[in-house]
Amino acid sequence: MYTVEEFDKEKTKVMKYIMYKKRTEKEVKNKFENTIQNDMLCDIINYVKEAGYLSDEEYIKKAIREFMSLKNLSIKEIQYKLYLKGINKNELDDYIYAHQEELQEYELKSAYEILAKKEKTMEKDEIKQYLLKKGYKQETIKEVL
């Protein structure tokens, strides 16, 4: 077991890591798995989750809002980026299902923006292949081209 002082000291490190930039639960585990004993790390993670500082659900919302305002991505690319961060597939699928219309509009807008950039230097077939590689849906590509 560990003392309250040890717990507070390690909790402070975890809190600094989380407060610097929003993180997923997996990112926190990966960062501290070799420096904090496993049972204490689990307790710290539960503590910060209950306190509202660590939430994969909130991370999904924030990350998708950021992607939508800064980048041109397909829904598949968004999913992939969030899976890499350790987001639970079911949580992410639920969010995407609940926000399907908004995300499809965003994907369509992104495809149009990519088309506008690429049509000066690429043929239609090349653009189609590019969009397919990026994970855009067939119907989105057809509508854009």
Protein backbone atom coordinates (compact mmCIF):
# COMPACT_ATOMS: atom_id res chain seq x y z
CA MET A 1 0.00 0.00 0.00
CA TYR A 2 1.02 3.65 -0.17
CA THR A 3 0.75 6.71 2.06
CA VAL A 4 -1.46 9.75 1.56
CA GLU A 5 1.66 11.86 0.98
CA GLU A 6 2.84 9.53 -1.81
CA PHE A 7 -0.61 9.57 -3.37
CA ASP A 8 -0.80 13.39 -3.28
CA LYS A 9 2.69 13.76 -4.74
CA GLU A 10 1.96 11.43 -7.66
CA LYS A 11 -1.54 12.86 -8.13
CA THR A 12 0.03 16.32 -8.51
CA LYS A 13 2.26 15.02 -11.32
CA VAL A 14 -0.71 13.47 -13.10
CA MET A 15 -2.78 16.64 -12.66
CA LYS A 16 -0.01 18.79 -14.15
CA TYR A 17 0.15 16.44 -17.14
CA ILE A 18 -3.62 16.59 -17.63
CA MET A 19 -3.92 20.34 -17.10
CA TYR A 20 -1.15 21.16 -19.58
CA LYS A 21 -3.23 19.65 -22.37
CA LYS A 22 -6.39 17.54 -22.42
CA ARG A 23 -5.46 13.86 -22.39
CA THR A 24 -7.15 10.50 -22.74
CA GLU A 25 -7.11 7.89 -20.01
CA LYS A 26 -4.79 5.72 -22.12
CA GLU A 27 -2.32 8.60 -22.58
CA VAL A 28 -2.16 9.08 -18.79
CA LYS A 29 -1.65 5.34 -18.22
CA ASN A 30 1.09 5.16 -20.85
CA LYS A 31 2.89 8.19 -19.44
CA PHE A 32 2.97 7.03 -15.82
CA GLU A 33 2.84 3.21 -16.01
CA ASN A 34 6.60 2.89 -15.39
CA THR A 35 6.92 5.56 -12.70
CA ILE A 36 3.82 5.08 -10.51
CA GLN A 37 2.84 1.72 -9.02
CA ASN A 38 -0.14 0.23 -10.82
CA ASP A 39 -2.67 0.23 -7.95
CA MET A 40 -1.84 3.84 -7.07
CA LEU A 41 -2.08 4.90 -10.73
CA CYS A 42 -5.52 3.29 -11.01
CA ASP A 43 -6.65 5.10 -7.85
CA ILE A 44 -5.28 8.42 -9.14
CA ILE A 45 -7.01 7.96 -12.50
CA ASN A 46 -10.31 7.16 -10.75
CA TYR A 47 -9.86 10.21 -8.54
CA VAL A 48 -9.26 12.64 -11.43
CA LYS A 49 -12.09 11.08 -13.44
CA GLU A 50 -14.52 11.54 -10.55
CA ALA A 51 -13.29 15.10 -10.09
CA GLY A 52 -14.06 15.74 -13.78
CA TYR A 53 -10.51 16.41 -14.96
CA LEU A 54 -10.23 13.30 -17.12
CA SER A 55 -13.05 12.24 -19.43
CA ASP A 56 -12.66 10.41 -22.71
CA GLU A 57 -16.16 11.54 -23.66
CA GLU A 58 -15.19 15.20 -23.23
CA TYR A 59 -11.94 14.52 -25.07
CA ILE A 60 -13.89 13.17 -28.07
CA LYS A 61 -16.11 16.28 -28.20
CA LYS A 62 -13.19 18.69 -27.89
CA ALA A 63 -10.96 16.86 -30.38
CA ILE A 64 -13.68 16.61 -33.03
CA ARG A 65 -14.55 20.31 -32.62
CA GLU A 66 -10.85 21.15 -33.07
CA PHE A 67 -10.51 18.93 -36.15
CA MET A 68 -13.62 20.47 -37.68
CA SER A 69 -12.38 24.02 -37.21
CA LEU A 70 -8.75 23.46 -38.21
CA LYS A 71 -8.46 20.57 -40.67
CA ASN A 72 -10.01 18.90 -43.68
CA LEU A 73 -10.51 15.30 -42.59
CA SER A 74 -12.85 12.46 -43.43
CA ILE A 75 -14.86 10.83 -40.65
CA LYS A 76 -12.59 7.77 -41.03
CA GLU A 77 -9.48 9.92 -40.43
CA ILE A 78 -11.05 11.44 -37.31
CA GLN A 79 -11.86 7.96 -36.00
CA TYR A 80 -8.35 6.74 -36.70
CA LYS A 81 -6.70 9.70 -34.96
CA LEU A 82 -8.88 9.20 -31.87
CA TYR A 83 -8.32 5.42 -31.79
CA LEU A 84 -4.58 6.15 -31.73
CA LYS A 85 -5.16 8.28 -28.62
CA GLY A 86 -6.76 5.27 -26.93
CA ILE A 87 -10.39 6.27 -27.23
CA ASN A 88 -12.84 3.41 -26.72
CA LYS A 89 -14.38 2.32 -30.05
CA ASN A 90 -17.93 2.10 -28.63
CA GLU A 91 -17.77 5.58 -27.08
CA LEU A 92 -16.50 7.06 -30.34
CA ASP A 93 -19.05 5.19 -32.48
CA ASP A 94 -21.85 6.41 -30.19
CA TYR A 95 -20.67 10.02 -30.52
CA ILE A 96 -20.37 9.75 -34.31
CA TYR A 97 -23.81 8.16 -34.58
CA ALA A 98 -25.34 10.91 -32.43
CA HIS A 99 -23.69 13.66 -34.53
CA GLN A 100 -23.96 11.97 -37.92
CA GLU A 101 -25.57 14.83 -39.86
CA GLU A 102 -23.12 17.45 -38.60
CA LEU A 103 -20.12 15.20 -39.33
CA GLN A 104 -21.35 14.33 -42.83
CA GLU A 105 -21.78 18.04 -43.61
CA TYR A 106 -18.25 18.64 -42.35
CA GLU A 107 -16.88 15.75 -44.44
CA LEU A 108 -18.60 17.13 -47.54
CA LYS A 109 -17.25 20.64 -46.89
CA SER A 110 -13.77 19.19 -46.38
CA ALA A 111 -13.95 17.26 -49.63
CA TYR A 112 -15.00 20.43 -51.49
CA GLU A 113 -12.07 22.33 -49.98
CA ILE A 114 -9.63 19.59 -50.97
CA LEU A 115 -11.10 19.58 -54.49
CA ALA A 116 -10.67 23.36 -54.75
CA LYS A 117 -6.98 23.04 -53.78
CA LYS A 118 -6.17 19.97 -55.86
CA GLU A 119 -8.06 20.66 -59.10
CA LYS A 120 -5.41 23.12 -60.26
CA THR A 121 -2.70 20.45 -60.25
CA MET A 122 -4.50 17.09 -60.46
CA GLU A 123 -6.89 15.27 -62.79
CA LYS A 124 -10.37 14.29 -61.55
CA ASP A 125 -9.36 10.60 -61.31
CA GLU A 126 -6.30 11.49 -59.23
CA ILE A 127 -8.44 13.60 -56.90
CA LYS A 128 -10.93 10.75 -56.59
CA GLN A 129 -8.12 8.33 -55.65
CA TYR A 130 -6.71 10.86 -53.18
CA LEU A 131 -10.09 11.25 -51.46
CA LEU A 132 -10.62 7.48 -51.37
CA LYS A 133 -7.20 7.03 -49.76
CA LYS A 134 -8.14 9.63 -47.16
CA GLY A 135 -11.23 7.62 -46.21
CA TYR A 136 -13.97 9.74 -47.80
CA LYS A 137 -17.20 7.91 -48.58
CA GLN A 138 -18.06 7.05 -52.19
CA GLU A 139 -21.26 9.15 -52.11
CA THR A 140 -19.34 12.16 -50.76
CA ILE A 141 -16.76 11.86 -53.56
CA LYS A 142 -19.49 11.48 -56.23
CA GLU A 143 -21.29 14.58 -54.96
CA VAL A 144 -18.08 16.63 -54.88
CA LEU A 145 -16.88 15.59 -58.34
